[in-house]
């Protein structure tokens, strides 16, 4: 059986009434993480950033190169 964990939080209060929910799930024996934001009825665009020690390679289209 694969070990996983799930955490969700309602961040709406920090976004001036725009409905924002963030979910974090640990996968593959808790060695990988999936972060998902759900944004509803936002009048603005959004950007998402993170910091990691992982090595990430991008191709010419600025998409992640998968091996």
PDB file of N, CA and C in Angstrom:
ATOM      1  N   UNK A   1       0.837  -1.180   0.000  1.00  0.00           N
ATOM      2  CA  UNK A   1       0.000   0.000   0.000  1.00  0.00           C
ATOM      3  C   UNK A   1       0.880   1.241   0.000  1.00  0.00           C
ATOM      4  N   UNK A   2       0.571   2.193  -0.884  1.00  0.00           N
ATOM      5  CA  UNK A   2       1.355   3.415  -0.997  1.00  0.00           C
ATOM      6  C   UNK A   2       0.934   4.418   0.070  1.00  0.00           C
ATOM      7  N   UNK A   3       1.909   5.017   0.725  1.00  0.00           N
ATOM      8  CA  UNK A   3       1.645   6.009   1.759  1.00  0.00           C
ATOM      9  C   UNK A   3       1.410   7.370   1.114  1.00  0.00           C
ATOM     10  N   UNK A   4       0.381   8.069   1.544  1.00  0.00           N
ATOM     11  CA  UNK A   4       0.130   9.424   1.052  1.00  0.00           C
ATOM     12  C   UNK A   4      -0.524  10.232   2.164  1.00  0.00           C
ATOM     13  N   UNK A   5      -0.535  11.547   1.979  1.00  0.00           N
ATOM     14  CA  UNK A   5      -1.186  12.440   2.932  1.00  0.00           C
ATOM     15  C   UNK A   5      -1.795  13.593   2.144  1.00  0.00           C
ATOM     16  N   UNK A   6      -2.898  14.146   2.629  1.00  0.00           N
ATOM     17  CA  UNK A   6      -3.579  15.251   1.959  1.00  0.00           C
ATOM     18  C   UNK A   6      -3.886  16.337   2.969  1.00  0.00           C
ATOM     19  N   UNK A   7      -3.663  17.588   2.561  1.00  0.00           N
ATOM     20  CA  UNK A   7      -3.954  18.752   3.391  1.00  0.00           C
ATOM     21  C   UNK A   7      -4.599  19.799   2.503  1.00  0.00           C
ATOM     22  N   UNK A   8      -5.667  20.429   2.934  1.00  0.00           N
ATOM     23  CA  UNK A   8      -6.294  21.521   2.182  1.00  0.00           C
ATOM     24  C   UNK A   8      -6.558  22.691   3.110  1.00  0.00           C
ATOM     25  N   UNK A   9      -6.565  23.895   2.518  1.00  0.00           N
ATOM     26  CA  UNK A   9      -6.828  25.104   3.292  1.00  0.00           C
ATOM     27  C   UNK A   9      -7.588  26.091   2.411  1.00  0.00           C
ATOM     28  N   UNK A  10      -8.514  26.823   3.020  1.00  0.00           N
ATOM     29  CA  UNK A  10      -9.268  27.873   2.341  1.00  0.00           C
ATOM     30  C   UNK A  10      -8.520  29.188   2.558  1.00  0.00           C
ATOM     31  N   UNK A  11      -7.980  29.772   1.482  1.00  0.00           N
ATOM     32  CA  UNK A  11      -7.200  31.006   1.567  1.00  0.00           C
ATOM     33  C   UNK A  11      -7.998  32.244   1.148  1.00  0.00           C
ATOM     34  N   UNK A  12      -9.308  32.099   1.015  1.00  0.00           N
ATOM     35  CA  UNK A  12     -10.168  33.167   0.512  1.00  0.00           C
ATOM     36  C   UNK A  12      -9.967  34.484   1.272  1.00  0.00           C
ATOM     37  N   UNK A  13      -9.826  34.427   2.571  1.00  0.00           N
ATOM     38  CA  UNK A  13      -9.675  35.634   3.386  1.00  0.00           C
ATOM     39  C   UNK A  13      -8.458  36.473   3.026  1.00  0.00           C
ATOM     40  N   UNK A  14      -7.446  35.871   2.442  1.00  0.00           N
ATOM     41  CA  UNK A  14      -6.225  36.590   2.069  1.00  0.00           C
ATOM     42  C   UNK A  14      -6.299  37.169   0.660  1.00  0.00           C
ATOM     43  N   UNK A  15      -7.387  36.916  -0.067  1.00  0.00           N
ATOM     44  CA  UNK A  15      -7.480  37.326  -1.471  1.00  0.00           C
ATOM     45  C   UNK A  15      -8.700  38.191  -1.758  1.00  0.00           C
ATOM     46  N   UNK A  16      -9.073  39.050  -0.836  1.00  0.00           N
ATOM     47  CA  UNK A  16     -10.134  40.050  -1.038  1.00  0.00           C
ATOM     48  C   UNK A  16     -11.414  39.459  -1.614  1.00  0.00           C
ATOM     49  N   UNK A  17     -11.833  38.321  -1.114  1.00  0.00           N
ATOM     50  CA  UNK A  17     -13.107  37.743  -1.522  1.00  0.00           C
ATOM     51  C   UNK A  17     -13.052  36.792  -2.700  1.00  0.00           C
ATOM     52  N   UNK A  18     -11.924  36.723  -3.421  1.00  0.00           N
ATOM     53  CA  UNK A  18     -11.786  35.725  -4.488  1.00  0.00           C
ATOM     54  C   UNK A  18     -11.638  34.362  -3.832  1.00  0.00           C
ATOM     55  N   UNK A  19     -12.437  33.393  -4.241  1.00  0.00           N
ATOM     56  CA  UNK A  19     -12.395  32.049  -3.643  1.00  0.00           C
ATOM     57  C   UNK A  19     -11.097  31.356  -4.041  1.00  0.00           C
ATOM     58  N   UNK A  20     -10.242  31.064  -3.056  1.00  0.00           N
ATOM     59  CA  UNK A  20      -8.956  30.399  -3.292  1.00  0.00           C
ATOM     60  C   UNK A  20      -8.818  29.249  -2.307  1.00  0.00           C
ATOM     61  N   UNK A  21      -8.577  28.065  -2.839  1.00  0.00           N
ATOM     62  CA  UNK A  21      -8.337  26.875  -2.024  1.00  0.00           C
ATOM     63  C   UNK A  21      -7.022  26.251  -2.465  1.00  0.00           C
ATOM     64  N   UNK A  22      -6.180  25.845  -1.512  1.00  0.00           N
ATOM     65  CA  UNK A  22      -4.912  25.188  -1.827  1.00  0.00           C
ATOM     66  C   UNK A  22      -4.940  23.783  -1.248  1.00  0.00           C
ATOM     67  N   UNK A  23      -4.506  22.815  -2.054  1.00  0.00           N
ATOM     68  CA  UNK A  23      -4.375  21.439  -1.606  1.00  0.00           C
ATOM     69  C   UNK A  23      -2.945  20.973  -1.765  1.00  0.00           C
ATOM     70  N   UNK A  24      -2.467  20.212  -0.813  1.00  0.00           N
ATOM     71  CA  UNK A  24      -1.122  19.629  -0.868  1.00  0.00           C
ATOM     72  C   UNK A  24      -1.269  18.141  -0.603  1.00  0.00           C
ATOM     73  N   UNK A  25      -0.740  17.317  -1.508  1.00  0.00           N
ATOM     74  CA  UNK A  25      -0.791  15.872  -1.337  1.00  0.00           C
ATOM     75  C   UNK A  25       0.627  15.315  -1.455  1.00  0.00           C
ATOM     76  N   UNK A  26       1.014  14.479  -0.508  1.00  0.00           N
ATOM     77  CA  UNK A  26       2.286  13.771  -0.570  1.00  0.00           C
ATOM     78  C   UNK A  26       2.034  12.424  -1.226  1.00  0.00           C
ATOM     79  N   UNK A  27       2.862  12.075  -2.217  1.00  0.00           N
ATOM     80  CA  UNK A  27       2.684  10.861  -3.007  1.00  0.00           C
ATOM     81  C   UNK A  27       3.949  10.008  -3.004  1.00  0.00           C
ATOM     82  N   UNK A  28       3.847   8.822  -3.569  1.00  0.00           N
ATOM     83  CA  UNK A  28       4.993   7.916  -3.753  1.00  0.00           C
ATOM     84  C   UNK A  28       5.780   7.733  -2.467  1.00  0.00           C
ATOM     85  N   UNK A  29       5.080   7.256  -1.458  1.00  0.00           N
ATOM     86  CA  UNK A  29       5.754   7.036  -0.178  1.00  0.00           C
ATOM     87  C   UNK A  29       6.216   8.337   0.450  1.00  0.00           C
ATOM     88  N   UNK A  30       5.490   9.417   0.139  1.00  0.00           N
ATOM     89  CA  UNK A  30       5.786  10.754   0.653  1.00  0.00           C
ATOM     90  C   UNK A  30       7.114  11.305   0.152  1.00  0.00           C
ATOM     91  N   UNK A  31       7.554  10.855  -1.041  1.00  0.00           N
ATOM     92  CA  UNK A  31       8.785  11.372  -1.633  1.00  0.00           C
ATOM     93  C   UNK A  31       8.502  12.418  -2.712  1.00  0.00           C
ATOM     94  N   UNK A  32       7.229  12.597  -3.097  1.00  0.00           N
ATOM     95  CA  UNK A  32       6.836  13.597  -4.084  1.00  0.00           C
ATOM     96  C   UNK A  32       5.686  14.411  -3.522  1.00  0.00           C
ATOM     97  N   UNK A  33       5.563  15.650  -4.010  1.00  0.00           N
ATOM     98  CA  UNK A  33       4.488  16.515  -3.529  1.00  0.00           C
ATOM     99  C   UNK A  33       3.725  17.084  -4.725  1.00  0.00           C
ATOM    100  N   UNK A  34       2.398  17.138  -4.600  1.00  0.00           N
ATOM    101  CA  UNK A  34       1.516  17.757  -5.576  1.00  0.00           C
ATOM    102  C   UNK A  34       0.839  18.930  -4.886  1.00  0.00           C
ATOM    103  N   UNK A  35       0.991  20.135  -5.458  1.00  0.00           N
ATOM    104  CA  UNK A  35       0.366  21.330  -4.909  1.00  0.00           C
ATOM    105  C   UNK A  35      -0.625  21.833  -5.949  1.00  0.00           C
ATOM    106  N   UNK A  36      -1.872  22.022  -5.533  1.00  0.00           N
ATOM    107  CA  UNK A  36      -2.919  22.454  -6.461  1.00  0.00           C
ATOM    108  C   UNK A  36      -3.693  23.607  -5.850  1.00  0.00           C
ATOM    109  N   UNK A  37      -3.792  24.701  -6.616  1.00  0.00           N
ATOM    110  CA  UNK A  37      -4.590  25.846  -6.209  1.00  0.00           C
ATOM    111  C   UNK A  37      -5.845  25.893  -7.067  1.00  0.00           C
ATOM    112  N   UNK A  38      -6.971  26.179  -6.449  1.00  0.00           N
ATOM    113  CA  UNK A  38      -8.220  26.387  -7.167  1.00  0.00           C
ATOM    114  C   UNK A  38      -8.649  27.824  -6.918  1.00  0.00           C
ATOM    115  N   UNK A  39      -8.773  28.606  -8.020  1.00  0.00           N
ATOM    116  CA  UNK A  39      -9.109  30.021  -7.944  1.00  0.00           C
ATOM    117  C   UNK A  39     -10.388  30.231  -8.734  1.00  0.00           C
ATOM    118  N   UNK A  40     -11.414  30.786  -8.087  1.00  0.00           N
ATOM    119  CA  UNK A  40     -12.725  30.944  -8.709  1.00  0.00           C
ATOM    120  C   UNK A  40     -13.076  32.430  -8.782  1.00  0.00           C
ATOM    121  N   UNK A  41     -13.497  32.870  -9.968  1.00  0.00           N
ATOM    122  CA  UNK A  41     -13.993  34.240 -10.188  1.00  0.00           C
ATOM    123  C   UNK A  41     -12.986  35.326  -9.846  1.00  0.00           C
ATOM    124  N   UNK A  42     -11.727  35.111 -10.177  1.00  0.00           N
ATOM    125  CA  UNK A  42     -10.729  36.148  -9.945  1.00  0.00           C
ATOM    126  C   UNK A  42     -10.777  37.178 -11.075  1.00  0.00           C
ATOM    127  N   UNK A  43     -10.827  38.475 -10.730  1.00  0.00           N
ATOM    128  CA  UNK A  43     -10.810  39.499 -11.772  1.00  0.00           C
ATOM    129  C   UNK A  43      -9.406  39.726 -12.341  1.00  0.00           C
ATOM    130  N   UNK A  44      -8.391  39.116 -11.746  1.00  0.00           N
ATOM    131  CA  UNK A  44      -7.004  39.313 -12.137  1.00  0.00           C
ATOM    132  C   UNK A  44      -6.361  38.003 -12.564  1.00  0.00           C
ATOM    133  N   UNK A  45      -5.259  38.090 -13.302  1.00  0.00           N
ATOM    134  CA  UNK A  45      -4.456  36.915 -13.609  1.00  0.00           C
ATOM    135  C   UNK A  45      -3.707  36.481 -12.356  1.00  0.00           C
ATOM    136  N   UNK A  46      -3.038  35.358 -12.420  1.00  0.00           N
ATOM    137  CA  UNK A  46      -2.300  34.883 -11.252  1.00  0.00           C
ATOM    138  C   UNK A  46      -0.957  34.314 -11.663  1.00  0.00           C
ATOM    139  N   UNK A  47      -0.038  34.319 -10.726  1.00  0.00           N
ATOM    140  CA  UNK A  47       1.275  33.702 -10.903  1.00  0.00           C
ATOM    141  C   UNK A  47       1.532  32.837  -9.684  1.00  0.00           C
ATOM    142  N   UNK A  48       2.280  31.764  -9.899  1.00  0.00           N
ATOM    143  CA  UNK A  48       2.609  30.869  -8.795  1.00  0.00           C
ATOM    144  C   UNK A  48       4.099  30.603  -8.860  1.00  0.00           C
ATOM    145  N   UNK A  49       4.783  30.719  -7.740  1.00  0.00           N
ATOM    146  CA  UNK A  49       6.233  30.503  -7.689  1.00  0.00           C
ATOM    147  C   UNK A  49       6.583  29.662  -6.474  1.00  0.00           C
ATOM    148  N   UNK A  50       7.721  29.002  -6.577  1.00  0.00           N
ATOM    149  CA  UNK A  50       8.233  28.243  -5.441  1.00  0.00           C
ATOM    150  C   UNK A  50       9.743  28.170  -5.531  1.00  0.00           C
ATOM    151  N   UNK A  51      10.365  27.831  -4.433  1.00  0.00           N
ATOM    152  CA  UNK A  51      11.808  27.625  -4.377  1.00  0.00           C
ATOM    153  C   UNK A  51      12.052  26.150  -4.105  1.00  0.00           C
ATOM    154  N   UNK A  52      13.070  25.594  -4.767  1.00  0.00           N
ATOM    155  CA  UNK A  52      13.406  24.189  -4.561  1.00  0.00           C
ATOM    156  C   UNK A  52      14.893  23.979  -4.806  1.00  0.00           C
ATOM    157  N   UNK A  53      15.434  22.958  -4.193  1.00  0.00           N
ATOM    158  CA  UNK A  53      16.812  22.557  -4.462  1.00  0.00           C
ATOM    159  C   UNK A  53      16.893  21.580  -5.632  1.00  0.00           C
ATOM    160  N   UNK A  54      15.740  21.206  -6.181  1.00  0.00           N
ATOM    161  CA  UNK A  54      15.708  20.249  -7.286  1.00  0.00           C
ATOM    162  C   UNK A  54      16.299  20.869  -8.552  1.00  0.00           C
ATOM    163  N   UNK A  55      16.811  20.034  -9.427  1.00  0.00           N
ATOM    164  CA  UNK A  55      17.293  20.473 -10.737  1.00  0.00           C
ATOM    165  C   UNK A  55      16.128  20.418 -11.714  1.00  0.00           C
ATOM    166  N   UNK A  56      15.892  21.525 -12.409  1.00  0.00           N
ATOM    167  CA  UNK A  56      14.795  21.607 -13.362  1.00  0.00           C
ATOM    168  C   UNK A  56      15.366  22.071 -14.695  1.00  0.00           C
ATOM    169  N   UNK A  57      15.085  21.326 -15.771  1.00  0.00           N
ATOM    170  CA  UNK A  57      15.543  21.689 -17.109  1.00  0.00           C
ATOM    171  C   UNK A  57      14.344  22.086 -17.958  1.00  0.00           C
ATOM    172  N   UNK A  58      14.467  23.212 -18.694  1.00  0.00           N
ATOM    173  CA  UNK A  58      13.410  23.685 -19.569  1.00  0.00           C
ATOM    174  C   UNK A  58      13.851  23.569 -21.025  1.00  0.00           C
ATOM    175  N   UNK A  59      12.899  23.246 -21.922  1.00  0.00           N
ATOM    176  CA  UNK A  59      13.213  23.211 -23.347  1.00  0.00           C
ATOM    177  C   UNK A  59      13.035  24.609 -23.927  1.00  0.00           C
ATOM    178  N   UNK A  60      13.132  24.742 -25.274  1.00  0.00           N
ATOM    179  CA  UNK A  60      13.045  26.048 -25.927  1.00  0.00           C
ATOM    180  C   UNK A  60      11.694  26.726 -25.698  1.00  0.00           C
ATOM    181  N   UNK A  61      10.633  25.937 -25.463  1.00  0.00           N
ATOM    182  CA  UNK A  61       9.302  26.485 -25.204  1.00  0.00           C
ATOM    183  C   UNK A  61       9.083  26.797 -23.726  1.00  0.00           C
ATOM    184  N   UNK A  62      10.141  26.712 -22.939  1.00  0.00           N
ATOM    185  CA  UNK A  62      10.106  26.947 -21.491  1.00  0.00           C
ATOM    186  C   UNK A  62       9.205  25.957 -20.768  1.00  0.00           C
ATOM    187  N   UNK A  63       9.158  24.741 -21.280  1.00  0.00           N
ATOM    188  CA  UNK A  63       8.427  23.657 -20.632  1.00  0.00           C
ATOM    189  C   UNK A  63       9.431  22.721 -19.969  1.00  0.00           C
ATOM    190  N   UNK A  64       9.005  22.076 -18.910  1.00  0.00           N
ATOM    191  CA  UNK A  64       9.886  21.173 -18.166  1.00  0.00           C
ATOM    192  C   UNK A  64      10.242  19.972 -19.036  1.00  0.00           C
ATOM    193  N   UNK A  65      11.535  19.642 -19.053  1.00  0.00           N
ATOM    194  CA  UNK A  65      12.019  18.472 -19.786  1.00  0.00           C
ATOM    195  C   UNK A  65      11.869  17.269 -18.869  1.00  0.00           C
ATOM    196  N   UNK A  66      11.147  16.269 -19.300  1.00  0.00           N
ATOM    197  CA  UNK A  66      10.934  15.052 -18.495  1.00  0.00           C
ATOM    198  C   UNK A  66      11.821  13.947 -19.038  1.00  0.00           C
ATOM    199  N   UNK A  67      12.412  13.212 -18.142  1.00  0.00           N
ATOM    200  CA  UNK A  67      13.259  12.087 -18.556  1.00  0.00           C
ATOM    201  C   UNK A  67      12.565  10.779 -18.324  1.00  0.00           C
TER     202      UNK A  67
END
